């Protein structure tokens, strides 16, 4: 993505703040601490931060970023808005490395921003798997070559063990996977992870060994 957006909210801090205020407070500032709307005044003194307000009801100070993912961040707000735009407008997504180049920040900062934005977009799990008698498919596999074995080497000790659960009869199936280190995990551990996942999903009421099959024979 090489296009450079020149809109003021992506390049100017004051414009970015006004843009966010127009979205959060279309009818005027609202105190995030008490919800007050009538006795909020803007503090314009030289010693005050830009965009700082004072609530006359709870007598606390606040800005438009309080209670948002932009709160307590040293990254300029206009870069946050630009990063949000890039992540939402990129058809195939955008990497932290690309954000680093576009925003002109360090990779550590770009990584932090991208993860915080993705977490804010998370809509939650949508409830437990297998609820109301919904069928759930469970399977395990071995993947990769973590070690010094030659490519194509047989066996499983040098591979990642992965357990997956998929709700199979929904229009948008929800899946969960468990991945474990190859050198310390046995087949019994895979079954234990399956038990924990199934218990968390609400499919079985107990995680005792009697409710799960014995460890599969590894080929």
N, C-alpha and C. Protein backbone atom coordinates (compact mmCIF):
# COMPACT_ATOMS: atom_id res chain seq x y z
N UNK A 1 0.85 -1.19 0.00
CA UNK A 1 0.00 0.00 0.00
C UNK A 1 0.89 1.24 0.00
N UNK A 2 0.96 1.87 -1.15
CA UNK A 2 1.87 2.99 -1.28
C UNK A 2 1.17 4.33 -1.28
N UNK A 3 -0.17 4.32 -1.36
CA UNK A 3 -0.90 5.59 -1.42
C UNK A 3 -0.77 6.33 -0.10
N UNK A 4 -0.58 7.64 -0.20
CA UNK A 4 -0.43 8.48 0.99
C UNK A 4 -1.69 9.32 1.14
N UNK A 5 -2.39 9.17 2.23
CA UNK A 5 -3.61 9.93 2.47
C UNK A 5 -3.24 11.28 3.08
N UNK A 6 -3.80 12.33 2.51
CA UNK A 6 -3.45 13.68 2.94
C UNK A 6 -4.57 14.35 3.72
N UNK A 7 -5.63 13.61 4.07
CA UNK A 7 -6.69 14.21 4.87
C UNK A 7 -6.11 14.72 6.17
N UNK A 8 -6.64 15.84 6.64
CA UNK A 8 -6.08 16.50 7.81
C UNK A 8 -6.08 15.59 9.04
N UNK A 9 -7.12 14.77 9.19
CA UNK A 9 -7.19 13.93 10.40
C UNK A 9 -6.10 12.87 10.44
N UNK A 10 -5.44 12.61 9.31
CA UNK A 10 -4.35 11.64 9.28
C UNK A 10 -2.97 12.29 9.38
N UNK A 11 -2.94 13.60 9.35
CA UNK A 11 -1.64 14.29 9.38
C UNK A 11 -1.54 15.34 10.46
N UNK A 12 -2.67 15.79 11.02
CA UNK A 12 -2.68 16.87 12.00
C UNK A 12 -3.35 16.40 13.29
N UNK A 13 -2.70 16.65 14.42
CA UNK A 13 -3.20 16.17 15.69
C UNK A 13 -4.51 16.83 16.10
N UNK A 14 -4.61 18.13 15.91
CA UNK A 14 -5.82 18.85 16.29
C UNK A 14 -7.00 18.41 15.43
N UNK A 15 -6.77 18.22 14.13
CA UNK A 15 -7.83 17.76 13.25
C UNK A 15 -8.26 16.34 13.62
N UNK A 16 -7.31 15.52 14.01
CA UNK A 16 -7.64 14.16 14.42
C UNK A 16 -8.50 14.17 15.68
N UNK A 17 -8.17 15.06 16.62
CA UNK A 17 -8.94 15.13 17.86
C UNK A 17 -10.37 15.63 17.59
N UNK A 18 -10.49 16.63 16.75
CA UNK A 18 -11.83 17.14 16.41
C UNK A 18 -12.65 16.07 15.69
N UNK A 19 -12.00 15.30 14.84
CA UNK A 19 -12.71 14.23 14.12
C UNK A 19 -13.24 13.18 15.09
N UNK A 20 -12.41 12.79 16.07
CA UNK A 20 -12.84 11.80 17.05
C UNK A 20 -13.94 12.36 17.95
N UNK A 21 -13.85 13.63 18.30
CA UNK A 21 -14.89 14.26 19.13
C UNK A 21 -16.22 14.30 18.39
N UNK A 22 -16.17 14.55 17.08
CA UNK A 22 -17.41 14.60 16.31
C UNK A 22 -18.08 13.24 16.22
N UNK A 23 -17.28 12.17 16.32
CA UNK A 23 -17.85 10.82 16.28
C UNK A 23 -18.36 10.40 17.65
N UNK A 24 -17.57 10.63 18.70
CA UNK A 24 -17.97 10.21 20.05
C UNK A 24 -19.01 11.14 20.66
N UNK A 25 -18.87 12.44 20.39
CA UNK A 25 -19.74 13.43 21.02
C UNK A 25 -20.45 14.28 19.97
N UNK A 26 -21.33 13.73 19.18
CA UNK A 26 -22.00 14.53 18.15
C UNK A 26 -22.87 15.65 18.74
N UNK A 27 -23.33 15.47 20.00
CA UNK A 27 -24.19 16.48 20.64
C UNK A 27 -23.47 17.21 21.76
N UNK A 28 -22.15 17.19 21.76
CA UNK A 28 -21.39 17.85 22.81
C UNK A 28 -20.68 16.86 23.70
N UNK A 29 -19.68 17.33 24.46
CA UNK A 29 -18.88 16.42 25.29
C UNK A 29 -19.69 15.72 26.37
N UNK A 30 -19.35 14.45 26.60
CA UNK A 30 -20.00 13.64 27.62
C UNK A 30 -18.90 13.12 28.55
N UNK A 31 -19.07 13.32 29.83
CA UNK A 31 -18.06 12.86 30.79
C UNK A 31 -18.03 11.33 30.83
N UNK A 32 -16.87 10.72 30.57
CA UNK A 32 -16.79 9.25 30.61
C UNK A 32 -16.81 8.68 32.02
N UNK A 33 -16.66 9.55 33.02
CA UNK A 33 -16.63 9.08 34.41
C UNK A 33 -18.03 8.98 35.02
N UNK A 34 -18.86 9.98 34.78
CA UNK A 34 -20.19 9.99 35.39
C UNK A 34 -21.32 10.13 34.38
N UNK A 35 -20.97 10.36 33.11
CA UNK A 35 -22.00 10.51 32.10
C UNK A 35 -22.61 11.90 32.03
N UNK A 36 -22.05 12.85 32.77
CA UNK A 36 -22.60 14.20 32.76
C UNK A 36 -22.45 14.89 31.41
N UNK A 37 -23.45 15.70 31.05
CA UNK A 37 -23.43 16.38 29.76
C UNK A 37 -23.66 17.89 29.87
N UNK A 38 -24.08 18.38 31.03
CA UNK A 38 -24.49 19.79 31.13
C UNK A 38 -23.42 20.69 31.73
N UNK A 39 -22.52 20.16 32.51
CA UNK A 39 -21.56 21.02 33.22
C UNK A 39 -20.11 20.71 32.81
N UNK A 40 -19.92 20.41 31.54
CA UNK A 40 -18.58 20.15 31.01
C UNK A 40 -18.00 21.40 30.38
N UNK A 41 -16.80 21.75 30.76
CA UNK A 41 -16.15 22.94 30.21
C UNK A 41 -14.75 22.59 29.73
N UNK A 42 -14.34 23.23 28.66
CA UNK A 42 -13.01 22.96 28.09
C UNK A 42 -11.97 23.81 28.80
N UNK A 43 -10.84 23.19 29.13
CA UNK A 43 -9.76 23.87 29.81
C UNK A 43 -8.74 24.34 28.77
N UNK A 44 -8.57 25.66 28.66
CA UNK A 44 -7.70 26.22 27.63
C UNK A 44 -6.45 26.89 28.20
N UNK A 45 -6.15 26.63 29.47
CA UNK A 45 -4.97 27.25 30.07
C UNK A 45 -3.68 26.73 29.45
N UNK A 46 -2.61 27.51 29.61
CA UNK A 46 -1.32 27.14 29.03
C UNK A 46 -0.76 25.86 29.66
N UNK A 47 -1.12 25.58 30.88
CA UNK A 47 -0.61 24.39 31.56
C UNK A 47 -1.45 23.14 31.31
N UNK A 48 -2.55 23.29 30.59
CA UNK A 48 -3.45 22.16 30.35
C UNK A 48 -3.13 21.48 29.02
N UNK A 49 -3.40 20.19 28.97
CA UNK A 49 -3.24 19.44 27.72
C UNK A 49 -4.28 19.88 26.71
N UNK A 50 -3.94 19.72 25.46
CA UNK A 50 -4.89 20.06 24.39
C UNK A 50 -6.07 19.10 24.44
N UNK A 51 -7.26 19.63 24.34
CA UNK A 51 -8.46 18.79 24.32
C UNK A 51 -8.93 18.34 25.69
N UNK A 52 -8.46 19.00 26.76
CA UNK A 52 -8.82 18.60 28.10
C UNK A 52 -10.12 19.27 28.53
N UNK A 53 -11.02 18.48 29.16
CA UNK A 53 -12.30 18.99 29.65
C UNK A 53 -12.41 18.75 31.16
N UNK A 54 -13.28 19.54 31.78
CA UNK A 54 -13.54 19.41 33.22
C UNK A 54 -15.03 19.21 33.43
N UNK A 55 -15.38 18.16 34.21
CA UNK A 55 -16.78 17.88 34.50
C UNK A 55 -17.15 18.51 35.83
N UNK A 56 -18.16 19.37 35.82
CA UNK A 56 -18.60 20.04 37.03
C UNK A 56 -19.42 19.15 37.95
N UNK A 57 -19.87 17.99 37.45
CA UNK A 57 -20.67 17.08 38.27
C UNK A 57 -19.79 16.20 39.15
N UNK A 58 -18.82 15.51 38.54
CA UNK A 58 -17.95 14.63 39.31
C UNK A 58 -16.58 15.27 39.57
N UNK A 59 -16.36 16.46 38.99
CA UNK A 59 -15.15 17.24 39.18
C UNK A 59 -13.88 16.47 38.78
N UNK A 60 -14.00 15.76 37.68
CA UNK A 60 -12.85 15.06 37.12
C UNK A 60 -12.55 15.59 35.73
N UNK A 61 -11.30 15.43 35.32
CA UNK A 61 -10.89 15.86 34.00
C UNK A 61 -10.92 14.67 33.03
N UNK A 62 -11.08 14.99 31.76
CA UNK A 62 -11.13 13.93 30.75
C UNK A 62 -10.85 14.51 29.37
N UNK A 63 -10.49 13.62 28.46
CA UNK A 63 -10.35 13.98 27.04
C UNK A 63 -11.18 12.98 26.24
N UNK A 64 -11.22 13.17 24.95
CA UNK A 64 -12.03 12.31 24.09
C UNK A 64 -11.47 10.91 24.00
N UNK A 65 -10.21 10.72 24.37
CA UNK A 65 -9.61 9.38 24.27
C UNK A 65 -9.84 8.52 25.51
N UNK A 66 -10.35 9.11 26.59
CA UNK A 66 -10.58 8.34 27.82
C UNK A 66 -11.64 7.26 27.55
N UNK A 67 -11.31 6.03 27.92
CA UNK A 67 -12.24 4.94 27.70
C UNK A 67 -12.16 4.32 26.32
N UNK A 68 -11.18 4.73 25.53
CA UNK A 68 -10.99 4.17 24.20
C UNK A 68 -9.64 3.47 24.14
N UNK A 69 -9.36 2.80 23.03
CA UNK A 69 -8.07 2.13 22.87
C UNK A 69 -6.93 3.12 22.68
N UNK A 70 -7.26 4.40 22.47
CA UNK A 70 -6.23 5.43 22.31
C UNK A 70 -5.77 6.01 23.64
N UNK A 71 -6.43 5.65 24.74
CA UNK A 71 -6.13 6.23 26.04
C UNK A 71 -4.72 5.84 26.51
N UNK A 72 -4.04 6.78 27.14
CA UNK A 72 -2.71 6.55 27.74
C UNK A 72 -1.68 6.07 26.73
N UNK A 73 -1.81 6.51 25.49
CA UNK A 73 -0.84 6.14 24.47
C UNK A 73 0.00 7.36 24.09
N UNK A 74 1.29 7.15 23.95
CA UNK A 74 2.18 8.23 23.54
C UNK A 74 2.23 8.40 22.02
N UNK A 75 1.60 7.48 21.31
CA UNK A 75 1.54 7.59 19.85
C UNK A 75 0.55 8.70 19.49
N UNK A 76 0.90 9.62 18.61
CA UNK A 76 -0.01 10.70 18.23
C UNK A 76 -1.35 10.15 17.73
N UNK A 77 -2.41 10.86 18.06
CA UNK A 77 -3.75 10.39 17.72
C UNK A 77 -3.94 10.28 16.22
N UNK A 78 -3.34 11.19 15.44
CA UNK A 78 -3.55 11.13 13.99
C UNK A 78 -2.93 9.87 13.40
N UNK A 79 -1.88 9.33 14.02
CA UNK A 79 -1.30 8.08 13.54
C UNK A 79 -2.19 6.90 13.93
N UNK A 80 -2.84 6.99 15.06
CA UNK A 80 -3.79 5.95 15.44
C UNK A 80 -4.94 5.91 14.43
N UNK A 81 -5.46 7.08 14.06
CA UNK A 81 -6.56 7.11 13.10
C UNK A 81 -6.13 6.59 11.74
N UNK A 82 -4.91 6.93 11.35
CA UNK A 82 -4.40 6.44 10.07
C UNK A 82 -4.24 4.93 10.09
N UNK A 83 -3.70 4.41 11.19
CA UNK A 83 -3.54 2.96 11.32
C UNK A 83 -4.90 2.26 11.30
N UNK A 84 -5.89 2.84 11.96
CA UNK A 84 -7.24 2.28 11.95
C UNK A 84 -7.79 2.23 10.53
N UNK A 85 -7.60 3.34 9.80
CA UNK A 85 -8.07 3.39 8.41
C UNK A 85 -7.39 2.33 7.56
N UNK A 86 -6.08 2.18 7.71
CA UNK A 86 -5.34 1.22 6.91
C UNK A 86 -5.79 -0.21 7.19
N UNK A 87 -6.02 -0.53 8.45
CA UNK A 87 -6.43 -1.88 8.79
C UNK A 87 -7.84 -2.18 8.31
N UNK A 88 -8.70 -1.19 8.32
CA UNK A 88 -10.09 -1.40 7.88
C UNK A 88 -10.21 -1.38 6.36
N UNK A 89 -9.35 -0.63 5.68
CA UNK A 89 -9.46 -0.48 4.23
C UNK A 89 -8.64 -1.48 3.45
N UNK A 90 -7.71 -2.17 4.11
CA UNK A 90 -6.85 -3.12 3.41
C UNK A 90 -7.62 -4.42 3.18
N UNK A 91 -7.83 -4.76 1.94
CA UNK A 91 -8.63 -5.94 1.61
C UNK A 91 -8.00 -7.21 2.13
N UNK A 92 -6.69 -7.32 2.06
CA UNK A 92 -5.99 -8.52 2.50
C UNK A 92 -5.27 -8.32 3.83
N UNK A 93 -5.63 -7.27 4.55
CA UNK A 93 -4.98 -7.00 5.82
C UNK A 93 -3.67 -6.26 5.64
N UNK A 94 -3.09 -5.85 6.73
CA UNK A 94 -1.83 -5.12 6.69
C UNK A 94 -0.94 -5.60 7.84
N UNK A 95 0.31 -5.82 7.56
CA UNK A 95 1.23 -6.34 8.56
C UNK A 95 1.78 -5.21 9.43
N UNK A 96 2.33 -5.59 10.57
CA UNK A 96 2.97 -4.60 11.45
C UNK A 96 4.18 -3.98 10.77
N UNK A 97 4.86 -4.75 9.97
CA UNK A 97 6.03 -4.22 9.25
C UNK A 97 5.62 -3.15 8.26
N UNK A 98 4.50 -3.34 7.60
CA UNK A 98 4.02 -2.34 6.67
C UNK A 98 3.53 -1.09 7.40
N UNK A 99 2.89 -1.28 8.55
CA UNK A 99 2.49 -0.13 9.36
C UNK A 99 3.71 0.67 9.80
N UNK A 100 4.78 -0.04 10.13
CA UNK A 100 6.02 0.63 10.52
C UNK A 100 6.50 1.58 9.42
N UNK A 101 6.48 1.10 8.18
CA UNK A 101 6.96 1.92 7.06
C UNK A 101 6.02 3.08 6.77
N UNK A 102 4.72 2.82 6.77
CA UNK A 102 3.75 3.84 6.40
C UNK A 102 3.63 4.93 7.46
N UNK A 103 3.61 4.53 8.74
CA UNK A 103 3.41 5.49 9.82
C UNK A 103 4.70 6.17 10.27
N UNK A 104 5.84 5.57 9.94
CA UNK A 104 7.11 6.14 10.37
C UNK A 104 7.36 5.94 11.85
N UNK A 105 6.97 4.78 12.37
CA UNK A 105 7.20 4.45 13.78
C UNK A 105 8.10 3.22 13.85
N UNK A 106 8.50 2.85 15.06
CA UNK A 106 9.33 1.66 15.22
C UNK A 106 8.46 0.41 15.03
N UNK A 107 9.13 -0.70 14.77
CA UNK A 107 8.38 -1.95 14.58
C UNK A 107 7.64 -2.34 15.86
N UNK A 108 8.27 -2.11 17.01
CA UNK A 108 7.64 -2.43 18.28
C UNK A 108 6.35 -1.64 18.45
N UNK A 109 6.38 -0.36 18.09
CA UNK A 109 5.17 0.47 18.19
C UNK A 109 4.11 0.00 17.21
N UNK A 110 4.51 -0.31 15.98
CA UNK A 110 3.55 -0.77 14.96
C UNK A 110 2.91 -2.08 15.39
N UNK A 111 3.71 -2.97 15.98
CA UNK A 111 3.17 -4.25 16.46
C UNK A 111 2.16 -4.03 17.56
N UNK A 112 2.50 -3.14 18.49
CA UNK A 112 1.58 -2.84 19.59
C UNK A 112 0.27 -2.25 19.06
N UNK A 113 0.37 -1.33 18.12
CA UNK A 113 -0.84 -0.70 17.57
C UNK A 113 -1.71 -1.70 16.84
N UNK A 114 -1.12 -2.54 16.03
CA UNK A 114 -1.91 -3.49 15.25
C UNK A 114 -2.61 -4.49 16.17
N UNK A 115 -1.92 -4.92 17.22
CA UNK A 115 -2.54 -5.89 18.13
C UNK A 115 -3.64 -5.23 18.96
N UNK A 116 -3.44 -4.01 19.38
CA UNK A 116 -4.49 -3.33 20.14
C UNK A 116 -5.72 -3.07 19.27
N UNK A 117 -5.51 -2.71 18.01
CA UNK A 117 -6.63 -2.48 17.10
C UNK A 117 -7.39 -3.77 16.83
N UNK A 118 -6.65 -4.86 16.62
CA UNK A 118 -7.33 -6.14 16.36
C UNK A 118 -8.10 -6.62 17.58
N UNK A 119 -7.55 -6.40 18.76
CA UNK A 119 -8.25 -6.79 19.98
C UNK A 119 -9.53 -5.98 20.15
N UNK A 120 -9.47 -4.70 19.77
CA UNK A 120 -10.67 -3.86 19.87
C UNK A 120 -11.74 -4.30 18.88
N UNK A 121 -11.33 -4.90 17.76
CA UNK A 121 -12.28 -5.38 16.76
C UNK A 121 -12.87 -6.74 17.11
N UNK A 122 -12.30 -7.40 18.13
CA UNK A 122 -12.76 -8.73 18.50
C UNK A 122 -14.19 -8.67 19.02
N UNK A 123 -15.04 -9.45 18.44
CA UNK A 123 -16.45 -9.44 18.84
C UNK A 123 -16.77 -10.50 19.89
N UNK A 124 -15.77 -11.25 20.34
CA UNK A 124 -16.01 -12.27 21.34
C UNK A 124 -16.21 -13.64 20.71
N UNK A 125 -16.33 -14.64 21.55
CA UNK A 125 -16.44 -16.01 21.05
C UNK A 125 -17.83 -16.37 20.55
N UNK A 126 -18.84 -15.56 20.92
CA UNK A 126 -20.18 -15.87 20.47
C UNK A 126 -20.82 -17.03 21.23
N UNK A 127 -20.31 -17.36 22.40
CA UNK A 127 -20.89 -18.42 23.19
C UNK A 127 -20.09 -19.70 23.07
N UNK A 128 -20.39 -20.68 23.92
CA UNK A 128 -19.62 -21.93 23.92
C UNK A 128 -19.92 -22.78 22.70
N UNK A 129 -18.95 -23.58 22.31
CA UNK A 129 -19.15 -24.55 21.25
C UNK A 129 -20.07 -25.66 21.74
N UNK A 130 -20.87 -26.18 20.85
CA UNK A 130 -21.70 -27.32 21.20
C UNK A 130 -22.91 -27.00 22.04
N UNK A 131 -23.25 -25.72 22.19
CA UNK A 131 -24.42 -25.38 22.97
C UNK A 131 -25.70 -25.85 22.31
N UNK A 132 -26.69 -26.20 23.09
CA UNK A 132 -28.01 -26.63 22.62
C UNK A 132 -27.92 -27.84 21.70
N UNK A 133 -27.00 -28.74 22.01
CA UNK A 133 -26.90 -29.97 21.23
C UNK A 133 -26.27 -29.82 19.86
N UNK A 134 -25.55 -28.73 19.62
CA UNK A 134 -24.92 -28.52 18.33
C UNK A 134 -23.75 -29.49 18.14
N UNK A 135 -23.71 -30.21 17.02
CA UNK A 135 -22.60 -31.16 16.79
C UNK A 135 -21.26 -30.42 16.68
N UNK A 136 -20.23 -31.01 17.24
CA UNK A 136 -18.88 -30.46 17.18
C UNK A 136 -17.92 -31.54 16.69
N UNK A 137 -17.10 -31.21 15.71
CA UNK A 137 -16.11 -32.14 15.19
C UNK A 137 -14.77 -31.87 15.86
N UNK A 138 -14.09 -32.93 16.26
CA UNK A 138 -12.80 -32.82 16.94
C UNK A 138 -11.78 -33.65 16.18
N UNK A 139 -10.61 -33.09 15.98
CA UNK A 139 -9.57 -33.84 15.27
C UNK A 139 -8.21 -33.34 15.70
N UNK A 140 -7.19 -34.16 15.50
CA UNK A 140 -5.81 -33.76 15.80
C UNK A 140 -4.93 -34.09 14.60
N UNK A 141 -3.84 -33.37 14.50
CA UNK A 141 -2.90 -33.62 13.40
C UNK A 141 -1.50 -33.23 13.85
N UNK A 142 -0.54 -33.53 13.02
CA UNK A 142 0.87 -33.19 13.28
C UNK A 142 1.36 -32.35 12.12
N UNK A 143 2.07 -31.28 12.43
CA UNK A 143 2.44 -30.33 11.38
C UNK A 143 3.84 -29.79 11.62
N UNK A 144 4.57 -29.54 10.53
CA UNK A 144 5.85 -28.87 10.62
C UNK A 144 7.00 -29.81 10.88
N UNK A 145 8.18 -29.23 11.02
CA UNK A 145 9.41 -29.98 11.29
C UNK A 145 10.27 -29.12 12.19
N UNK A 146 10.03 -29.21 13.48
CA UNK A 146 10.76 -28.40 14.45
C UNK A 146 11.91 -29.24 14.99
N UNK A 147 13.03 -29.16 14.38
CA UNK A 147 14.17 -29.97 14.78
C UNK A 147 15.16 -30.08 13.65
N UNK A 148 16.04 -31.07 13.72
CA UNK A 148 17.09 -31.23 12.72
C UNK A 148 16.82 -32.41 11.79
N UNK A 149 15.59 -32.93 11.83
CA UNK A 149 15.28 -34.05 10.96
C UNK A 149 15.23 -33.59 9.50
N UNK A 150 15.55 -34.50 8.61
CA UNK A 150 15.51 -34.19 7.18
C UNK A 150 14.07 -33.96 6.74
N UNK A 151 13.84 -33.10 5.76
CA UNK A 151 12.49 -32.89 5.25
C UNK A 151 11.87 -34.21 4.81
N UNK A 152 10.63 -34.42 5.22
CA UNK A 152 9.94 -35.65 4.87
C UNK A 152 10.19 -36.80 5.83
N UNK A 153 10.92 -36.55 6.91
CA UNK A 153 11.20 -37.61 7.88
C UNK A 153 9.91 -38.12 8.49
N UNK A 154 9.81 -39.44 8.69
CA UNK A 154 8.61 -40.03 9.25
C UNK A 154 8.63 -39.91 10.77
N UNK A 155 7.49 -40.16 11.35
CA UNK A 155 7.39 -40.04 12.80
C UNK A 155 6.67 -38.77 13.19
N UNK A 156 6.54 -38.56 14.51
CA UNK A 156 5.78 -37.42 15.00
C UNK A 156 6.51 -36.61 16.06
N UNK A 157 7.61 -37.12 16.62
CA UNK A 157 8.26 -36.46 17.75
C UNK A 157 8.79 -35.08 17.40
N UNK A 158 9.11 -34.83 16.13
CA UNK A 158 9.68 -33.55 15.73
C UNK A 158 8.64 -32.60 15.18
N UNK A 159 7.36 -32.95 15.32
CA UNK A 159 6.31 -32.14 14.73
C UNK A 159 5.42 -31.51 15.80
N UNK A 160 4.75 -30.42 15.43
CA UNK A 160 3.77 -29.79 16.30
C UNK A 160 2.50 -30.63 16.36
N UNK A 161 1.94 -30.76 17.55
CA UNK A 161 0.66 -31.42 17.70
C UNK A 161 -0.44 -30.37 17.76
N UNK A 162 -1.45 -30.50 16.93
CA UNK A 162 -2.51 -29.50 16.86
C UNK A 162 -3.85 -30.19 17.05
N UNK A 163 -4.67 -29.64 17.94
CA UNK A 163 -6.01 -30.14 18.18
C UNK A 163 -7.00 -29.05 17.76
N UNK A 164 -8.03 -29.43 17.03
CA UNK A 164 -8.99 -28.44 16.56
C UNK A 164 -10.41 -28.88 16.87
N UNK A 165 -11.27 -27.90 17.11
CA UNK A 165 -12.69 -28.14 17.33
C UNK A 165 -13.47 -27.23 16.39
N UNK A 166 -14.45 -27.77 15.68
CA UNK A 166 -15.22 -26.99 14.73
C UNK A 166 -16.70 -27.27 14.92
N UNK A 167 -17.49 -26.22 15.02
CA UNK A 167 -18.94 -26.36 15.07
C UNK A 167 -19.41 -26.52 13.63
N UNK A 168 -19.94 -27.66 13.29
CA UNK A 168 -20.07 -28.04 11.88
C UNK A 168 -21.39 -27.66 11.22
N UNK A 169 -22.41 -27.31 11.96
CA UNK A 169 -23.69 -27.10 11.31
C UNK A 169 -24.15 -25.64 11.36
N UNK A 170 -23.19 -24.71 11.48
CA UNK A 170 -23.53 -23.30 11.47
C UNK A 170 -23.08 -22.67 10.16
N UNK A 171 -23.73 -21.60 9.77
CA UNK A 171 -23.36 -20.91 8.53
C UNK A 171 -21.94 -20.38 8.60
N UNK A 172 -21.54 -19.91 9.80
CA UNK A 172 -20.19 -19.42 10.01
C UNK A 172 -19.57 -20.22 11.14
N UNK A 173 -18.93 -21.35 10.84
CA UNK A 173 -18.40 -22.21 11.90
C UNK A 173 -17.34 -21.51 12.72
N UNK A 174 -17.41 -21.74 14.03
CA UNK A 174 -16.42 -21.20 14.95
C UNK A 174 -15.47 -22.33 15.32
N UNK A 175 -14.17 -22.08 15.24
CA UNK A 175 -13.22 -23.14 15.52
C UNK A 175 -12.24 -22.70 16.59
N UNK A 176 -11.67 -23.67 17.28
CA UNK A 176 -10.66 -23.42 18.29
C UNK A 176 -9.55 -24.44 18.12
N UNK A 177 -8.31 -24.01 18.27
CA UNK A 177 -7.18 -24.92 18.07
C UNK A 177 -6.22 -24.83 19.24
N UNK A 178 -5.59 -25.93 19.56
CA UNK A 178 -4.58 -25.99 20.61
C UNK A 178 -3.29 -26.49 19.98
N UNK A 179 -2.21 -25.76 20.13
CA UNK A 179 -0.92 -26.17 19.57
C UNK A 179 0.08 -26.32 20.69
N UNK A 180 0.90 -27.37 20.65
CA UNK A 180 1.80 -27.67 21.75
C UNK A 180 3.21 -27.96 21.23
N UNK A 181 4.20 -27.80 22.09
CA UNK A 181 5.59 -28.00 21.71
C UNK A 181 5.84 -29.45 21.34
N UNK A 182 6.63 -29.68 20.30
CA UNK A 182 6.78 -31.04 19.79
C UNK A 182 7.60 -31.98 20.66
N UNK A 183 8.56 -31.48 21.40
CA UNK A 183 9.50 -32.36 22.08
C UNK A 183 9.00 -32.86 23.43
N UNK A 184 7.95 -32.25 23.97
CA UNK A 184 7.53 -32.61 25.33
C UNK A 184 6.11 -33.11 25.39
N UNK A 185 5.42 -33.19 24.27
CA UNK A 185 4.00 -33.51 24.29
C UNK A 185 3.77 -34.92 23.77
N UNK A 186 3.02 -35.69 24.50
CA UNK A 186 2.70 -37.06 24.11
C UNK A 186 1.26 -37.13 23.63
N UNK A 187 0.87 -38.31 23.18
CA UNK A 187 -0.51 -38.49 22.75
C UNK A 187 -1.48 -38.29 23.90
N UNK A 188 -1.09 -38.72 25.11
CA UNK A 188 -1.95 -38.50 26.27
C UNK A 188 -2.20 -37.02 26.52
N UNK A 189 -1.18 -36.19 26.27
CA UNK A 189 -1.33 -34.76 26.46
C UNK A 189 -2.32 -34.19 25.45
N UNK A 190 -2.31 -34.74 24.25
CA UNK A 190 -3.27 -34.29 23.24
C UNK A 190 -4.69 -34.56 23.71
N UNK A 191 -4.92 -35.77 24.23
CA UNK A 191 -6.25 -36.09 24.72
C UNK A 191 -6.63 -35.21 25.91
N UNK A 192 -5.66 -34.88 26.76
CA UNK A 192 -5.93 -34.00 27.90
C UNK A 192 -6.33 -32.62 27.41
N UNK A 193 -5.64 -32.13 26.38
CA UNK A 193 -5.99 -30.83 25.82
C UNK A 193 -7.37 -30.86 25.20
N UNK A 194 -7.71 -31.99 24.56
CA UNK A 194 -9.06 -32.12 24.00
C UNK A 194 -10.10 -32.10 25.10
N UNK A 195 -9.81 -32.78 26.22
CA UNK A 195 -10.75 -32.78 27.34
C UNK A 195 -10.98 -31.37 27.86
N UNK A 196 -9.86 -30.61 28.03
CA UNK A 196 -9.99 -29.25 28.55
C UNK A 196 -10.78 -28.39 27.58
N UNK A 197 -10.53 -28.52 26.29
CA UNK A 197 -11.23 -27.72 25.29
C UNK A 197 -12.70 -28.06 25.27
N UNK A 198 -13.01 -29.35 25.33
CA UNK A 198 -14.41 -29.76 25.31
C UNK A 198 -15.14 -29.30 26.55
N UNK A 199 -14.48 -29.39 27.71
CA UNK A 199 -15.09 -28.93 28.96
C UNK A 199 -15.35 -27.44 28.91
N UNK A 200 -14.36 -26.68 28.41
CA UNK A 200 -14.54 -25.23 28.29
C UNK A 200 -15.68 -24.92 27.34
N UNK A 201 -15.83 -25.72 26.30
CA UNK A 201 -16.86 -25.45 25.31
C UNK A 201 -18.25 -25.83 25.80
N UNK A 202 -18.34 -26.51 26.92
CA UNK A 202 -19.64 -26.87 27.45
C UNK A 202 -20.20 -28.15 26.85
N UNK A 203 -19.34 -28.94 26.18
CA UNK A 203 -19.82 -30.15 25.54
C UNK A 203 -19.93 -31.28 26.55
N UNK A 204 -18.97 -31.37 27.47
CA UNK A 204 -19.02 -32.39 28.50
C UNK A 204 -18.96 -31.72 29.86
N UNK A 205 -19.48 -32.37 30.85
CA UNK A 205 -19.57 -31.76 32.18
C UNK A 205 -18.37 -32.05 33.03
N UNK A 206 -17.58 -33.04 32.67
CA UNK A 206 -16.44 -33.43 33.50
C UNK A 206 -15.22 -33.62 32.63
N UNK A 207 -14.05 -33.35 33.19
CA UNK A 207 -12.80 -33.54 32.46
C UNK A 207 -12.07 -34.79 32.90
N UNK A 208 -12.78 -35.71 33.57
CA UNK A 208 -12.15 -36.93 34.04
C UNK A 208 -11.79 -37.81 32.86
N UNK A 209 -10.78 -38.68 33.07
CA UNK A 209 -10.28 -39.52 31.98
C UNK A 209 -11.35 -40.48 31.47
N UNK A 210 -12.34 -40.80 32.30
CA UNK A 210 -13.35 -41.76 31.89
C UNK A 210 -14.27 -41.22 30.81
N UNK A 211 -14.31 -39.92 30.63
CA UNK A 211 -15.20 -39.34 29.64
C UNK A 211 -14.54 -39.21 28.28
N UNK A 212 -13.26 -39.53 28.19
CA UNK A 212 -12.55 -39.39 26.93
C UNK A 212 -11.94 -40.73 26.53
N UNK A 213 -11.78 -40.95 25.22
CA UNK A 213 -11.14 -42.18 24.77
C UNK A 213 -9.67 -42.20 25.18
N UNK A 214 -9.08 -43.37 25.16
CA UNK A 214 -7.67 -43.50 25.49
C UNK A 214 -6.83 -42.84 24.41
N UNK A 215 -5.54 -42.67 24.70
CA UNK A 215 -4.66 -42.01 23.76
C UNK A 215 -4.59 -42.78 22.45
N UNK A 216 -4.66 -42.08 21.32
CA UNK A 216 -4.62 -42.77 20.03
C UNK A 216 -3.24 -43.34 19.76
N UNK A 217 -3.21 -44.37 18.95
CA UNK A 217 -1.94 -44.96 18.53
C UNK A 217 -1.31 -44.07 17.48
N UNK A 218 -0.09 -43.62 17.72
CA UNK A 218 0.58 -42.71 16.81
C UNK A 218 1.25 -43.49 15.70
N UNK A 219 1.06 -43.01 14.49
CA UNK A 219 1.64 -43.67 13.33
C UNK A 219 2.75 -42.82 12.76
